[in-house]
């Protein structure tokens, strides 16, 4: 599978954009955050790194993308060892105190769903946090068969995302 193979493929789930609000039923949900520093300068630096696939790369994953910075429509293949996970950026958040993006799964991904990576500035406390929000369900027979292993991998990778920035 190559990046050029992803053009024209449809997302594998209907609830596009749902990580921006109430997560849909029928999926496994993840909502995790961690304080990663203090101050507006820290927020700006972490947000810029995050938009350049920083949570993914910082977690030790290899990223191939059609754009250097996440933008709506960017196709991405995330590599975890021999496993390739094709995704497409479905929205970008660019607010004064919240920046990030969400991508959704494409055919060939072991799961079906969406994941959002964001950095938030909390003005009241001057804290900066990394956030991961996701909903997913098994998208292949082998991910269903290996459910205990895939769940463990998802928990470990999510923890690494939060420490990556």
Protein backbone atom coordinates (compact mmCIF):
# COMPACT_ATOMS: atom_id res chain seq x y z
CA UNK A 1 0.00 0.00 0.00
CA UNK A 2 1.29 3.45 -0.99
CA UNK A 3 -0.01 6.94 -0.24
CA UNK A 4 -1.07 7.30 -3.86
CA UNK A 5 -3.33 4.23 -3.41
CA UNK A 6 -5.45 6.11 -0.85
CA UNK A 7 -6.84 8.82 -3.11
CA UNK A 8 -10.52 8.28 -3.72
CA UNK A 9 -10.96 5.71 -0.93
CA UNK A 10 -13.89 6.32 1.38
CA UNK A 11 -13.70 6.45 5.15
CA UNK A 12 -14.73 3.22 6.86
CA UNK A 13 -17.26 4.75 9.28
CA UNK A 14 -20.23 7.12 8.92
CA UNK A 15 -19.81 9.38 12.00
CA UNK A 16 -17.20 11.68 10.46
CA UNK A 17 -16.19 14.48 12.81
CA UNK A 18 -17.71 12.92 15.92
CA UNK A 19 -14.51 13.29 17.96
CA UNK A 20 -15.34 17.01 18.11
CA UNK A 21 -18.43 16.32 20.24
CA UNK A 22 -20.36 13.44 21.72
CA UNK A 23 -18.76 10.13 20.80
CA UNK A 24 -21.06 7.71 18.96
CA UNK A 25 -22.40 4.52 20.48
CA UNK A 26 -21.29 1.09 19.32
CA UNK A 27 -17.58 1.90 19.53
CA UNK A 28 -14.78 1.70 22.08
CA UNK A 29 -14.09 5.24 23.36
CA UNK A 30 -10.81 6.83 24.43
CA UNK A 31 -10.59 10.25 26.08
CA UNK A 32 -7.19 10.90 27.68
CA UNK A 33 -5.19 13.98 28.50
CA UNK A 34 -1.96 14.86 30.27
CA UNK A 35 -0.38 18.14 31.37
CA UNK A 36 2.75 18.72 29.27
CA UNK A 37 3.86 22.12 30.52
CA UNK A 38 2.92 25.69 31.29
CA UNK A 39 2.58 28.93 29.41
CA UNK A 40 1.50 30.26 26.06
CA UNK A 41 4.94 29.67 24.49
CA UNK A 42 4.78 25.99 25.47
CA UNK A 43 1.29 25.75 23.97
CA UNK A 44 2.43 27.31 20.69
CA UNK A 45 5.48 25.01 20.43
CA UNK A 46 3.54 21.83 21.28
CA UNK A 47 0.68 22.75 18.93
CA UNK A 48 3.10 23.38 16.04
CA UNK A 49 4.80 20.02 16.63
CA UNK A 50 1.46 18.27 16.97
CA UNK A 51 0.25 19.60 13.63
CA UNK A 52 3.39 18.13 12.03
CA UNK A 53 2.37 14.63 13.18
CA UNK A 54 4.33 15.11 16.43
CA UNK A 55 2.22 12.90 18.69
CA UNK A 56 2.51 10.04 16.23
CA UNK A 57 6.23 10.42 15.52
CA UNK A 58 7.00 11.12 19.16
CA UNK A 59 5.26 7.87 20.10
CA UNK A 60 7.72 5.99 17.88
CA UNK A 61 5.45 5.50 14.89
CA UNK A 62 6.59 6.09 11.34
CA UNK A 63 4.39 8.49 9.42
CA UNK A 64 4.01 8.91 5.66
CA UNK A 65 1.73 11.80 4.77
CA UNK A 66 0.67 13.76 1.72
CA UNK A 67 1.35 17.00 3.61
CA UNK A 68 4.00 18.15 6.06
CA UNK A 69 1.35 19.78 8.26
CA UNK A 70 -2.01 18.14 8.96
CA UNK A 71 -4.76 19.64 6.82
CA UNK A 72 -8.23 18.48 5.85
CA UNK A 73 -7.89 15.81 3.16
CA UNK A 74 -4.29 14.84 3.99
CA UNK A 75 -3.79 11.12 3.59
CA UNK A 76 -1.57 9.36 6.09
CA UNK A 77 -0.13 5.90 6.52
CA UNK A 78 0.96 5.22 10.09
CA UNK A 79 3.41 2.34 10.51
CA UNK A 80 3.57 0.30 13.70
CA UNK A 81 6.16 -2.31 12.86
CA UNK A 82 4.80 -4.27 9.90
CA UNK A 83 1.25 -2.96 10.39
CA UNK A 84 0.13 -0.12 8.13
CA UNK A 85 -2.78 2.05 9.15
CA UNK A 86 -4.19 4.27 6.37
CA UNK A 87 -6.11 7.37 7.49
CA UNK A 88 -7.34 10.74 6.22
CA UNK A 89 -7.52 14.04 8.12
CA UNK A 90 -11.21 14.90 8.47
CA UNK A 91 -10.98 18.20 10.35
CA UNK A 92 -8.52 20.65 11.85
CA UNK A 93 -9.01 22.74 14.99
CA UNK A 94 -7.22 26.10 15.03
CA UNK A 95 -8.53 28.12 17.96
CA UNK A 96 -6.62 30.45 20.29
CA UNK A 97 -6.49 27.86 23.10
CA UNK A 98 -7.00 24.59 21.19
CA UNK A 99 -5.16 23.24 18.16
CA UNK A 100 -5.12 19.84 16.57
CA UNK A 101 -6.65 17.54 14.01
CA UNK A 102 -8.64 14.36 13.66
CA UNK A 103 -8.19 11.58 11.19
CA UNK A 104 -10.45 8.76 10.17
CA UNK A 105 -9.71 5.23 9.07
CA UNK A 106 -9.56 4.15 5.45
CA UNK A 107 -9.89 0.63 3.97
CA UNK A 108 -6.89 -1.45 5.00
CA UNK A 109 -6.84 -0.14 8.58
CA UNK A 110 -7.32 -2.80 11.28
CA UNK A 111 -9.84 -0.60 13.07
CA UNK A 112 -12.77 1.56 11.98
CA UNK A 113 -13.22 4.98 13.55
CA UNK A 114 -11.66 8.33 14.24
CA UNK A 115 -8.91 9.76 16.43
CA UNK A 116 -8.26 13.37 17.44
CA UNK A 117 -4.89 14.74 18.57
CA UNK A 118 -5.00 18.15 20.24
CA UNK A 119 -3.10 20.55 22.46
CA UNK A 120 -5.05 22.81 24.83
CA UNK A 121 -4.04 25.91 26.77
CA UNK A 122 -5.88 26.40 30.07
CA UNK A 123 -5.69 30.15 30.73
CA UNK A 124 -7.01 29.86 34.31
CA UNK A 125 -4.12 27.61 35.37
CA UNK A 126 -1.55 28.45 32.64
CA UNK A 127 -1.27 24.69 32.00
CA UNK A 128 -0.86 23.07 28.60
CA UNK A 129 -2.27 19.62 27.99
CA UNK A 130 -2.10 17.05 25.23
CA UNK A 131 -5.39 15.32 24.44
CA UNK A 132 -6.35 12.19 22.57
CA UNK A 133 -9.99 11.42 21.79
CA UNK A 134 -11.04 8.41 19.75
CA UNK A 135 -13.79 6.00 18.90
CA UNK A 136 -13.09 2.71 17.18
CA UNK A 137 -14.20 -0.83 16.60
CA UNK A 138 -12.53 -3.75 14.92
CA UNK A 139 -12.36 -3.42 11.17
CA UNK A 140 -10.83 -6.75 10.22
CA UNK A 141 -11.22 -10.39 11.22
CA UNK A 142 -7.67 -10.46 12.57
CA UNK A 143 -8.19 -7.40 14.80
CA UNK A 144 -11.35 -9.05 16.22
CA UNK A 145 -9.45 -12.30 16.74
CA UNK A 146 -6.58 -10.48 18.44
CA UNK A 147 -8.82 -8.11 20.43
CA UNK A 148 -6.94 -8.42 23.75
CA UNK A 149 -3.66 -7.63 22.01
CA UNK A 150 -5.04 -4.76 19.91
CA UNK A 151 -6.66 -3.22 23.03
CA UNK A 152 -3.33 -3.40 24.88
CA UNK A 153 -1.48 -1.85 21.95
CA UNK A 154 -4.05 0.97 21.75
CA UNK A 155 -3.64 1.75 25.47
CA UNK A 156 0.16 1.76 25.25
CA UNK A 157 0.28 3.87 22.10
CA UNK A 158 -2.20 6.38 23.57
CA UNK A 159 0.04 6.79 26.63
CA UNK A 160 2.99 7.38 24.32
CA UNK A 161 1.03 9.99 22.32
CA UNK A 162 0.44 11.99 25.48
CA UNK A 163 4.15 11.97 26.36
CA UNK A 164 5.31 12.69 22.80
CA UNK A 165 5.08 16.48 22.83
